[in-house]
Amino acid sequence: ARGEVGKVGVPVAHLGDMRALFDAIPLEQMNTSMTINATAPWLLAL
C-alpha cells in the first residue's frame, strides 16, 4: 500500500472509515454506486 493510500480513491480500512465517509449523508435517501470488486462483500457489509 506504500504510496497508494488515498491516491485513486478513498481509503476505507474499517467501520470507522465508512462511518466518516457517509457522515451526515442519510443512506436511506441515497442511491450509492460503489466501484468495488474483489472486496465488494466487505464494503457492502460496512
All heavy atoms as atom14 arrays in JSON, in Angstrom:
{
  "sequence": "ARGEVGKVGVPVAHLGDMRALFDAIPLEQMNTSMTINATAPWLLAL",
  "atom14_mask": [
    [1, 1, 1, 1, 1, 0, 0, 0, 0, 0, 0, 0, 0, 0],
    [1, 1, 1, 1, 1, 1, 1, 1, 1, 1, 1, 0, 0, 0],
    [1, 1, 1, 1, 0, 0, 0, 0, 0, 0, 0, 0, 0, 0],
    [1, 1, 1, 1, 1, 1, 1, 1, 1, 0, 0, 0, 0, 0],
    [1, 1, 1, 1, 1, 1, 1, 0, 0, 0, 0, 0, 0, 0],
    [1, 1, 1, 1, 0, 0, 0, 0, 0, 0, 0, 0, 0, 0],
    [1, 1, 1, 1, 1, 1, 1, 1, 1, 0, 0, 0, 0, 0],
    [1, 1, 1, 1, 1, 1, 1, 0, 0, 0, 0, 0, 0, 0],
    [1, 1, 1, 1, 0, 0, 0, 0, 0, 0, 0, 0, 0, 0],
    [1, 1, 1, 1, 1, 1, 1, 0, 0, 0, 0, 0, 0, 0],
    [1, 1, 1, 1, 1, 1, 1, 0, 0, 0, 0, 0, 0, 0],
    [1, 1, 1, 1, 1, 1, 1, 0, 0, 0, 0, 0, 0, 0],
    [1, 1, 1, 1, 1, 0, 0, 0, 0, 0, 0, 0, 0, 0],
    [1, 1, 1, 1, 1, 1, 1, 1, 1, 1, 0, 0, 0, 0],
    [1, 1, 1, 1, 1, 1, 1, 1, 0, 0, 0, 0, 0, 0],
    [1, 1, 1, 1, 0, 0, 0, 0, 0, 0, 0, 0, 0, 0],
    [1, 1, 1, 1, 1, 1, 1, 1, 0, 0, 0, 0, 0, 0],
    [1, 1, 1, 1, 1, 1, 1, 1, 0, 0, 0, 0, 0, 0],
    [1, 1, 1, 1, 1, 1, 1, 1, 1, 1, 1, 0, 0, 0],
    [1, 1, 1, 1, 1, 0, 0, 0, 0, 0, 0, 0, 0, 0],
    [1, 1, 1, 1, 1, 1, 1, 1, 0, 0, 0, 0, 0, 0],
    [1, 1, 1, 1, 1, 1, 1, 1, 1, 1, 1, 0, 0, 0],
    [1, 1, 1, 1, 1, 1, 1, 1, 0, 0, 0, 0, 0, 0],
    [1, 1, 1, 1, 1, 0, 0, 0, 0, 0, 0, 0, 0, 0],
    [1, 1, 1, 1, 1, 1, 1, 1, 0, 0, 0, 0, 0, 0],
    [1, 1, 1, 1, 1, 1, 1, 0, 0, 0, 0, 0, 0, 0],
    [1, 1, 1, 1, 1, 1, 1, 1, 0, 0, 0, 0, 0, 0],
    [1, 1, 1, 1, 1, 1, 1, 1, 1, 0, 0, 0, 0, 0],
    [1, 1, 1, 1, 1, 1, 1, 1, 1, 0, 0, 0, 0, 0],
    [1, 1, 1, 1, 1, 1, 1, 1, 0, 0, 0, 0, 0, 0],
    [1, 1, 1, 1, 1, 1, 1, 1, 0, 0, 0, 0, 0, 0],
    [1, 1, 1, 1, 1, 1, 1, 0, 0, 0, 0, 0, 0, 0],
    [1, 1, 1, 1, 1, 1, 0, 0, 0, 0, 0, 0, 0, 0],
    [1, 1, 1, 1, 1, 1, 1, 1, 0, 0, 0, 0, 0, 0],
    [1, 1, 1, 1, 1, 1, 1, 0, 0, 0, 0, 0, 0, 0],
    [1, 1, 1, 1, 1, 1, 1, 1, 0, 0, 0, 0, 0, 0],
    [1, 1, 1, 1, 1, 1, 1, 1, 0, 0, 0, 0, 0, 0],
    [1, 1, 1, 1, 1, 0, 0, 0, 0, 0, 0, 0, 0, 0],
    [1, 1, 1, 1, 1, 1, 1, 0, 0, 0, 0, 0, 0, 0],
    [1, 1, 1, 1, 1, 0, 0, 0, 0, 0, 0, 0, 0, 0],
    [1, 1, 1, 1, 1, 1, 1, 0, 0, 0, 0, 0, 0, 0],
    [1, 1, 1, 1, 1, 1, 1, 1, 1, 1, 1, 1, 1, 1],
    [1, 1, 1, 1, 1, 1, 1, 1, 0, 0, 0, 0, 0, 0],
    [1, 1, 1, 1, 1, 1, 1, 1, 0, 0, 0, 0, 0, 0],
    [1, 1, 1, 1, 1, 0, 0, 0, 0, 0, 0, 0, 0, 0],
    [1, 1, 1, 1, 1, 1, 1, 1, 0, 0, 0, 0, 0, 0]
  ],
  "atom14_positions": [
    [[0.82, -1.22, 0.0], [0.0, 0.0, 0.0], [0.85, 1.27, 0.0], [0.31, 2.36, -0.17], [-0.93, 0.01, 1.21], [0.0, 0.0, 0.0], [0.0, 0.0, 0.0], [0.0, 0.0, 0.0], [0.0, 0.0, 0.0], [0.0, 0.0, 0.0], [0.0, 0.0, 0.0], [0.0, 0.0, 0.0], [0.0, 0.0, 0.0], [0.0, 0.0, 0.0]],
    [[2.16, 1.12, 0.17], [3.01, 2.3, 0.29], [2.89, 3.19, -0.95], [3.07, 2.74, -2.07], [4.48, 1.89, 0.47], [5.38, 3.09, 0.7], [6.82, 2.68, 0.94], [7.64, 3.86, 1.13], [8.97, 3.83, 1.24], [9.61, 2.69, 1.18], [9.64, 4.95, 1.4], [0.0, 0.0, 0.0], [0.0, 0.0, 0.0], [0.0, 0.0, 0.0]],
    [[2.56, 4.44, -0.73], [2.41, 5.39, -1.82], [1.07, 5.35, -2.51], [0.78, 6.21, -3.35], [0.0, 0.0, 0.0], [0.0, 0.0, 0.0], [0.0, 0.0, 0.0], [0.0, 0.0, 0.0], [0.0, 0.0, 0.0], [0.0, 0.0, 0.0], [0.0, 0.0, 0.0], [0.0, 0.0, 0.0], [0.0, 0.0, 0.0], [0.0, 0.0, 0.0]],
    [[0.22, 4.36, -2.19], [-1.05, 4.2, -2.9], [-2.25, 4.68, -2.09], [-3.35, 4.75, -2.61], [-1.26, 2.71, -3.24], [-0.15, 2.05, -4.03], [-0.22, 2.33, -5.51], [-0.92, 3.29, -5.91], [0.41, 1.59, -6.27], [0.0, 0.0, 0.0], [0.0, 0.0, 0.0], [0.0, 0.0, 0.0], [0.0, 0.0, 0.0], [0.0, 0.0, 0.0]],
    [[-2.05, 5.0, -0.83], [-3.17, 5.32, 0.06], [-3.81, 6.64, -0.35], [-3.15, 7.69, -0.42], [-2.7, 5.38, 1.52], [-3.86, 5.79, 2.44], [-2.12, 4.04, 1.96], [0.0, 0.0, 0.0], [0.0, 0.0, 0.0], [0.0, 0.0, 0.0], [0.0, 0.0, 0.0], [0.0, 0.0, 0.0], [0.0, 0.0, 0.0], [0.0, 0.0, 0.0]],
    [[-5.11, 6.6, -0.65], [-5.85, 7.81, -0.97], [-5.55, 8.4, -2.33], [-5.99, 9.52, -2.63], [0.0, 0.0, 0.0], [0.0, 0.0, 0.0], [0.0, 0.0, 0.0], [0.0, 0.0, 0.0], [0.0, 0.0, 0.0], [0.0, 0.0, 0.0], [0.0, 0.0, 0.0], [0.0, 0.0, 0.0], [0.0, 0.0, 0.0], [0.0, 0.0, 0.0]],
    [[-4.85, 7.66, -3.22], [-4.43, 8.24, -4.49], [-5.54, 8.22, -5.55], [-5.83, 9.23, -6.16], [-3.2, 7.49, -5.01], [-1.89, 7.9, -4.34], [-1.5, 9.33, -4.68], [-0.11, 9.75, -4.28], [0.58, 9.02, -3.26], [0.0, 0.0, 0.0], [0.0, 0.0, 0.0], [0.0, 0.0, 0.0], [0.0, 0.0, 0.0], [0.0, 0.0, 0.0]],
    [[-6.12, 7.05, -5.81], [-7.13, 6.98, -6.87], [-8.54, 6.86, -6.29], [-9.5, 6.62, -7.02], [-6.85, 5.81, -7.83], [-5.5, 5.97, -8.48], [-6.95, 4.46, -7.12], [0.0, 0.0, 0.0], [0.0, 0.0, 0.0], [0.0, 0.0, 0.0], [0.0, 0.0, 0.0], [0.0, 0.0, 0.0], [0.0, 0.0, 0.0], [0.0, 0.0, 0.0]],
    [[-8.65, 7.01, -4.99], [-9.94, 6.92, -4.33], [-9.75, 7.04, -2.84], [-8.67, 7.38, -2.35], [0.0, 0.0, 0.0], [0.0, 0.0, 0.0], [0.0, 0.0, 0.0], [0.0, 0.0, 0.0], [0.0, 0.0, 0.0], [0.0, 0.0, 0.0], [0.0, 0.0, 0.0], [0.0, 0.0, 0.0], [0.0, 0.0, 0.0], [0.0, 0.0, 0.0]],
    [[-10.81, 6.75, -2.13], [-10.79, 6.94, -0.67], [-10.37, 5.64, 0.02], [-10.81, 4.56, -0.37], [-12.19, 7.4, -0.18], [-13.28, 6.41, -0.57], [-12.19, 7.63, 1.31], [0.0, 0.0, 0.0], [0.0, 0.0, 0.0], [0.0, 0.0, 0.0], [0.0, 0.0, 0.0], [0.0, 0.0, 0.0], [0.0, 0.0, 0.0], [0.0, 0.0, 0.0]],
    [[-9.52, 5.71, 1.04], [-9.19, 4.51, 1.8], [-10.27, 4.2, 2.82], [-10.71, 5.07, 3.58], [-7.87, 4.89, 2.5], [-7.91, 6.38, 2.62], [-8.72, 6.88, 1.46], [0.0, 0.0, 0.0], [0.0, 0.0, 0.0], [0.0, 0.0, 0.0], [0.0, 0.0, 0.0], [0.0, 0.0, 0.0], [0.0, 0.0, 0.0], [0.0, 0.0, 0.0]],
    [[-10.73, 2.96, 2.84], [-11.7, 2.52, 3.83], [-11.16, 1.23, 4.44], [-11.22, 0.16, 3.83], [-13.09, 2.29, 3.2], [-14.04, 1.71, 4.24], [-13.64, 3.6, 2.66], [0.0, 0.0, 0.0], [0.0, 0.0, 0.0], [0.0, 0.0, 0.0], [0.0, 0.0, 0.0], [0.0, 0.0, 0.0], [0.0, 0.0, 0.0], [0.0, 0.0, 0.0]],
    [[-10.6, 1.34, 5.63], [-9.94, 0.2, 6.27], [-10.8, -0.46, 7.34], [-10.46, -1.56, 7.78], [-8.61, 0.65, 6.89], [0.0, 0.0, 0.0], [0.0, 0.0, 0.0], [0.0, 0.0, 0.0], [0.0, 0.0, 0.0], [0.0, 0.0, 0.0], [0.0, 0.0, 0.0], [0.0, 0.0, 0.0], [0.0, 0.0, 0.0], [0.0, 0.0, 0.0]],
    [[-11.9, 0.2, 7.75], [-12.71, -0.36, 8.83], [-14.01, 0.43, 8.94], [-14.23, 1.41, 8.2], [-11.95, -0.32, 10.16], [-11.31, 1.01, 10.45], [-12.03, 2.11, 10.85], [-10.01, 1.4, 10.38], [-11.21, 3.13, 11.02], [-9.99, 2.73, 10.75], [0.0, 0.0, 0.0], [0.0, 0.0, 0.0], [0.0, 0.0, 0.0], [0.0, 0.0, 0.0]],
    [[-14.85, 0.04, 9.88], [-16.16, 0.66, 10.05], [-16.05, 2.15, 10.34], [-16.88, 2.94, 9.88], [-16.91, -0.05, 11.18], [-18.34, 0.42, 11.46], [-19.23, 0.25, 10.25], [-18.91, -0.34, 12.66], [0.0, 0.0, 0.0], [0.0, 0.0, 0.0], [0.0, 0.0, 0.0], [0.0, 0.0, 0.0], [0.0, 0.0, 0.0], [0.0, 0.0, 0.0]],
    [[-15.03, 2.55, 11.09], [-14.86, 3.97, 11.4], [-14.67, 4.8, 10.14], [-15.2, 5.92, 10.03], [0.0, 0.0, 0.0], [0.0, 0.0, 0.0], [0.0, 0.0, 0.0], [0.0, 0.0, 0.0], [0.0, 0.0, 0.0], [0.0, 0.0, 0.0], [0.0, 0.0, 0.0], [0.0, 0.0, 0.0], [0.0, 0.0, 0.0], [0.0, 0.0, 0.0]],
    [[-13.9, 4.28, 9.18], [-13.72, 5.0, 7.92], [-15.03, 5.1, 7.15], [-15.37, 6.16, 6.6], [-12.68, 4.29, 7.05], [-11.25, 4.51, 7.51], [-11.0, 5.48, 8.25], [-10.37, 3.71, 7.11], [0.0, 0.0, 0.0], [0.0, 0.0, 0.0], [0.0, 0.0, 0.0], [0.0, 0.0, 0.0], [0.0, 0.0, 0.0], [0.0, 0.0, 0.0]],
    [[-15.79, 4.02, 7.1], [-17.06, 4.05, 6.37], [-18.04, 4.99, 7.06], [-18.81, 5.71, 6.4], [-17.64, 2.64, 6.27], [-18.84, 2.52, 5.34], [-18.47, 2.87, 3.61], [-18.23, 1.21, 2.97], [0.0, 0.0, 0.0], [0.0, 0.0, 0.0], [0.0, 0.0, 0.0], [0.0, 0.0, 0.0], [0.0, 0.0, 0.0], [0.0, 0.0, 0.0]],
    [[-18.0, 5.01, 8.36], [-18.85, 5.93, 9.13], [-18.52, 7.38, 8.78], [-19.41, 8.2, 8.55], [-18.61, 5.65, 10.61], [-19.59, 6.28, 11.56], [-19.14, 5.95, 12.99], [-19.33, 4.55, 13.34], [-18.5, 3.85, 14.12], [-17.43, 4.42, 14.65], [-18.77, 2.59, 14.41], [0.0, 0.0, 0.0], [0.0, 0.0, 0.0], [0.0, 0.0, 0.0]],
    [[-17.23, 7.69, 8.72], [-16.8, 9.06, 8.4], [-17.13, 9.42, 6.95], [-17.47, 10.56, 6.64], [-15.3, 9.2, 8.64], [0.0, 0.0, 0.0], [0.0, 0.0, 0.0], [0.0, 0.0, 0.0], [0.0, 0.0, 0.0], [0.0, 0.0, 0.0], [0.0, 0.0, 0.0], [0.0, 0.0, 0.0], [0.0, 0.0, 0.0], [0.0, 0.0, 0.0]],
    [[-17.04, 8.43, 6.06], [-17.28, 8.68, 4.64], [-18.71, 9.15, 4.39], [-18.96, 10.0, 3.53], [-17.01, 7.4, 3.84], [-17.08, 7.49, 2.33], [-16.02, 8.43, 1.78], [-16.94, 6.1, 1.7], [0.0, 0.0, 0.0], [0.0, 0.0, 0.0], [0.0, 0.0, 0.0], [0.0, 0.0, 0.0], [0.0, 0.0, 0.0], [0.0, 0.0, 0.0]],
    [[-19.66, 8.63, 5.16], [-21.07, 8.97, 4.94], [-21.66, 9.78, 6.09], [-22.89, 9.82, 6.26], [-21.88, 7.7, 4.7], [-21.53, 7.01, 3.41], [-20.84, 5.81, 3.41], [-21.86, 7.58, 2.2], [-20.5, 5.17, 2.23], [-21.52, 6.96, 1.0], [-20.84, 5.76, 1.02], [0.0, 0.0, 0.0], [0.0, 0.0, 0.0], [0.0, 0.0, 0.0]],
    [[-20.81, 10.44, 6.84], [-21.28, 11.29, 7.93], [-22.25, 12.35, 7.41], [-21.97, 13.05, 6.42], [-20.08, 11.96, 8.61], [-20.51, 12.83, 9.77], [-21.36, 12.4, 10.57], [-19.99, 13.96, 9.86], [0.0, 0.0, 0.0], [0.0, 0.0, 0.0], [0.0, 0.0, 0.0], [0.0, 0.0, 0.0], [0.0, 0.0, 0.0], [0.0, 0.0, 0.0]],
    [[-23.41, 12.47, 8.04], [-24.44, 13.47, 7.69], [-25.01, 13.26, 6.29], [-25.62, 14.17, 5.73], [-23.89, 14.89, 7.83], [0.0, 0.0, 0.0], [0.0, 0.0, 0.0], [0.0, 0.0, 0.0], [0.0, 0.0, 0.0], [0.0, 0.0, 0.0], [0.0, 0.0, 0.0], [0.0, 0.0, 0.0], [0.0, 0.0, 0.0], [0.0, 0.0, 0.0]],
    [[-24.84, 12.08, 5.73], [-25.46, 11.71, 4.45], [-26.42, 10.56, 4.73], [-25.97, 9.44, 5.0], [-24.41, 11.3, 3.4], [-23.45, 12.46, 3.1], [-25.09, 10.83, 2.12], [-22.31, 12.09, 2.16], [0.0, 0.0, 0.0], [0.0, 0.0, 0.0], [0.0, 0.0, 0.0], [0.0, 0.0, 0.0], [0.0, 0.0, 0.0], [0.0, 0.0, 0.0]],
    [[-27.7, 10.79, 4.72], [-28.67, 9.73, 5.08], [-28.72, 8.64, 4.01], [-29.24, 8.85, 2.91], [-30.0, 10.48, 5.2], [-29.81, 11.71, 4.37], [-28.36, 12.07, 4.42], [0.0, 0.0, 0.0], [0.0, 0.0, 0.0], [0.0, 0.0, 0.0], [0.0, 0.0, 0.0], [0.0, 0.0, 0.0], [0.0, 0.0, 0.0], [0.0, 0.0, 0.0]],
    [[-28.2, 7.48, 4.32], [-28.07, 6.43, 3.31], [-29.42, 5.92, 2.83], [-29.54, 5.45, 1.69], [-27.23, 5.28, 3.88], [-25.78, 5.65, 4.22], [-24.99, 4.41, 4.62], [-25.09, 6.36, 3.06], [0.0, 0.0, 0.0], [0.0, 0.0, 0.0], [0.0, 0.0, 0.0], [0.0, 0.0, 0.0], [0.0, 0.0, 0.0], [0.0, 0.0, 0.0]],
    [[-30.43, 5.99, 3.67], [-31.76, 5.53, 3.26], [-32.3, 6.38, 2.11], [-33.16, 5.92, 1.34], [-32.71, 5.57, 4.45], [-34.0, 4.8, 4.23], [-34.82, 4.67, 5.5], [-34.23, 4.69, 6.6], [-36.05, 4.55, 5.4], [0.0, 0.0, 0.0], [0.0, 0.0, 0.0], [0.0, 0.0, 0.0], [0.0, 0.0, 0.0], [0.0, 0.0, 0.0]],
    [[-31.8, 7.62, 1.97], [-32.28, 8.5, 0.91], [-31.35, 8.52, -0.31], [-31.64, 9.19, -1.3], [-32.41, 9.93, 1.46], [-33.37, 10.06, 2.62], [-33.35, 11.45, 3.22], [-33.04, 12.44, 2.56], [-33.67, 11.54, 4.5], [0.0, 0.0, 0.0], [0.0, 0.0, 0.0], [0.0, 0.0, 0.0], [0.0, 0.0, 0.0], [0.0, 0.0, 0.0]],
    [[-30.22, 7.83, -0.24], [-29.21, 7.88, -1.29], [-29.39, 6.75, -2.29], [-29.98, 5.71, -2.0], [-27.8, 7.77, -0.68], [-27.29, 9.03, 0.0], [-27.08, 10.41, -1.16], [-28.48, 11.44, -0.7], [0.0, 0.0, 0.0], [0.0, 0.0, 0.0], [0.0, 0.0, 0.0], [0.0, 0.0, 0.0], [0.0, 0.0, 0.0], [0.0, 0.0, 0.0]],
    [[-28.84, 6.96, -3.48], [-28.6, 5.88, -4.43], [-27.09, 5.86, -4.64], [-26.54, 6.74, -5.29], [-29.34, 6.13, -5.75], [-29.28, 4.91, -6.66], [-28.22, 4.4, -6.96], [-30.45, 4.45, -7.1], [0.0, 0.0, 0.0], [0.0, 0.0, 0.0], [0.0, 0.0, 0.0], [0.0, 0.0, 0.0], [0.0, 0.0, 0.0], [0.0, 0.0, 0.0]],
    [[-26.43, 4.88, -4.04], [-24.97, 4.88, -3.95], [-24.39, 3.78, -4.82], [-24.73, 2.6, -4.67], [-24.51, 4.65, -2.5], [-25.09, 5.66, -1.66], [-23.0, 4.71, -2.39], [0.0, 0.0, 0.0], [0.0, 0.0, 0.0], [0.0, 0.0, 0.0], [0.0, 0.0, 0.0], [0.0, 0.0, 0.0], [0.0, 0.0, 0.0], [0.0, 0.0, 0.0]],
    [[-23.5, 4.16, -5.71], [-22.76, 3.21, -6.52], [-21.35, 3.1, -5.95], [-20.67, 4.1, -5.76], [-22.69, 3.68, -7.98], [-21.81, 2.88, -8.72], [0.0, 0.0, 0.0], [0.0, 0.0, 0.0], [0.0, 0.0, 0.0], [0.0, 0.0, 0.0], [0.0, 0.0, 0.0], [0.0, 0.0, 0.0], [0.0, 0.0, 0.0], [0.0, 0.0, 0.0]],
    [[-20.94, 1.87, -5.65], [-19.59, 1.65, -5.13], [-18.8, 0.83, -6.15], [-19.14, -0.32, -6.42], [-19.64, 0.95, -3.77], [-20.26, 1.81, -2.68], [-20.01, 1.16, -1.01], [-21.2, -0.17, -0.97], [0.0, 0.0, 0.0], [0.0, 0.0, 0.0], [0.0, 0.0, 0.0], [0.0, 0.0, 0.0], [0.0, 0.0, 0.0], [0.0, 0.0, 0.0]],
    [[-17.77, 1.45, -6.7], [-16.93, 0.77, -7.68], [-15.93, -0.1, -6.93], [-14.81, 0.32, -6.63], [-16.22, 1.78, -8.59], [-17.21, 2.59, -9.23], [-15.4, 1.08, -9.66], [0.0, 0.0, 0.0], [0.0, 0.0, 0.0], [0.0, 0.0, 0.0], [0.0, 0.0, 0.0], [0.0, 0.0, 0.0], [0.0, 0.0, 0.0], [0.0, 0.0, 0.0]],
    [[-16.37, -1.3, -6.62], [-15.57, -2.21, -5.8], [-15.85, -3.63, -6.29], [-16.98, -3.96, -6.63], [-15.91, -2.04, -4.3], [-14.85, -2.66, -3.41], [-17.3, -2.51, -3.98], [-13.53, -1.92, -3.4], [0.0, 0.0, 0.0], [0.0, 0.0, 0.0], [0.0, 0.0, 0.0], [0.0, 0.0, 0.0], [0.0, 0.0, 0.0], [0.0, 0.0, 0.0]],
    [[-14.82, -4.45, -6.32], [-14.97, -5.77, -6.93], [-14.51, -6.9, -6.01], [-15.31, -7.54, -5.37], [-14.25, -5.8, -8.28], [-14.9, -4.85, -9.27], [-15.96, -5.13, -9.8], [-14.29, -3.69, -9.5], [0.0, 0.0, 0.0], [0.0, 0.0, 0.0], [0.0, 0.0, 0.0], [0.0, 0.0, 0.0], [0.0, 0.0, 0.0], [0.0, 0.0, 0.0]],
    [[-13.21, -7.12, -5.89], [-12.73, -8.24, -5.08], [-13.2, -8.13, -3.63], [-13.51, -9.14, -2.99], [-11.21, -8.31, -5.13], [0.0, 0.0, 0.0], [0.0, 0.0, 0.0], [0.0, 0.0, 0.0], [0.0, 0.0, 0.0], [0.0, 0.0, 0.0], [0.0, 0.0, 0.0], [0.0, 0.0, 0.0], [0.0, 0.0, 0.0], [0.0, 0.0, 0.0]],
    [[-13.25, -6.92, -3.1], [-13.68, -6.72, -1.72], [-15.12, -6.22, -1.64], [-15.53, -5.65, -0.63], [-12.74, -5.73, -1.0], [-12.65, -4.52, -1.75], [-11.34, -6.31, -0.83], [0.0, 0.0, 0.0], [0.0, 0.0, 0.0], [0.0, 0.0, 0.0], [0.0, 0.0, 0.0], [0.0, 0.0, 0.0], [0.0, 0.0, 0.0], [0.0, 0.0, 0.0]],
    [[-15.91, -6.46, -2.68], [-17.3, -6.0, -2.7], [-18.12, -6.53, -1.53], [-18.87, -5.77, -0.91], [-17.96, -6.36, -4.02], [0.0, 0.0, 0.0], [0.0, 0.0, 0.0], [0.0, 0.0, 0.0], [0.0, 0.0, 0.0], [0.0, 0.0, 0.0], [0.0, 0.0, 0.0], [0.0, 0.0, 0.0], [0.0, 0.0, 0.0], [0.0, 0.0, 0.0]],
    [[-18.02, -7.82, -1.15], [-18.81, -8.27, 0.01], [-18.45, -7.49, 1.27], [-19.34, -7.18, 2.09], [-18.42, -9.75, 0.14], [-17.91, -10.15, -1.19], [-17.26, -8.93, -1.76], [0.0, 0.0, 0.0], [0.0, 0.0, 0.0], [0.0, 0.0, 0.0], [0.0, 0.0, 0.0], [0.0, 0.0, 0.0], [0.0, 0.0, 0.0], [0.0, 0.0, 0.0]],
    [[-17.18, -7.16, 1.42], [-16.72, -6.46, 2.62], [-17.22, -5.01, 2.64], [-17.73, -4.53, 3.66], [-15.2, -6.51, 2.69], [-14.59, -5.71, 3.81], [-13.74, -4.66, 3.69], [-14.79, -5.9, 5.22], [-13.39, -4.18, 4.94], [-14.02, -4.93, 5.89], [-15.55, -6.81, 5.96], [-13.99, -4.84, 7.28], [-15.52, -6.71, 7.35], [-14.74, -5.74, 7.99]],
    [[-17.08, -4.31, 1.52], [-17.52, -2.9, 1.5], [-19.03, -2.79, 1.63], [-19.54, -1.88, 2.27], [-17.02, -2.21, 0.23], [-15.62, -1.57, 0.32], [-15.62, -0.44, 1.33], [-14.54, -2.57, 0.65], [0.0, 0.0, 0.0], [0.0, 0.0, 0.0], [0.0, 0.0, 0.0], [0.0, 0.0, 0.0], [0.0, 0.0, 0.0], [0.0, 0.0, 0.0]],
    [[-19.77, -3.74, 1.05], [-21.22, -3.73, 1.23], [-21.56, -4.02, 2.69], [-22.49, -3.43, 3.26], [-21.88, -4.75, 0.31], [-23.41, -4.84, 0.4], [-24.07, -3.5, 0.11], [-23.94, -5.92, -0.55], [0.0, 0.0, 0.0], [0.0, 0.0, 0.0], [0.0, 0.0, 0.0], [0.0, 0.0, 0.0], [0.0, 0.0, 0.0], [0.0, 0.0, 0.0]],
    [[-20.8, -4.92, 3.32], [-21.02, -5.2, 4.75], [-20.81, -3.96, 5.6], [-21.6, -3.66, 6.5], [-20.08, -6.32, 5.2], [0.0, 0.0, 0.0], [0.0, 0.0, 0.0], [0.0, 0.0, 0.0], [0.0, 0.0, 0.0], [0.0, 0.0, 0.0], [0.0, 0.0, 0.0], [0.0, 0.0, 0.0], [0.0, 0.0, 0.0], [0.0, 0.0, 0.0]],
    [[-19.75, -3.21, 5.32], [-19.5, -1.96, 6.04], [-20.62, -0.95, 5.8], [-21.05, -0.24, 6.73], [-18.15, -1.37, 5.62], [-16.89, -2.12, 6.06], [-15.66, -1.54, 5.35], [-16.7, -2.03, 7.57], [0.0, 0.0, 0.0], [0.0, 0.0, 0.0], [0.0, 0.0, 0.0], [0.0, 0.0, 0.0], [0.0, 0.0, 0.0], [0.0, 0.0, 0.0]]
  ]
}
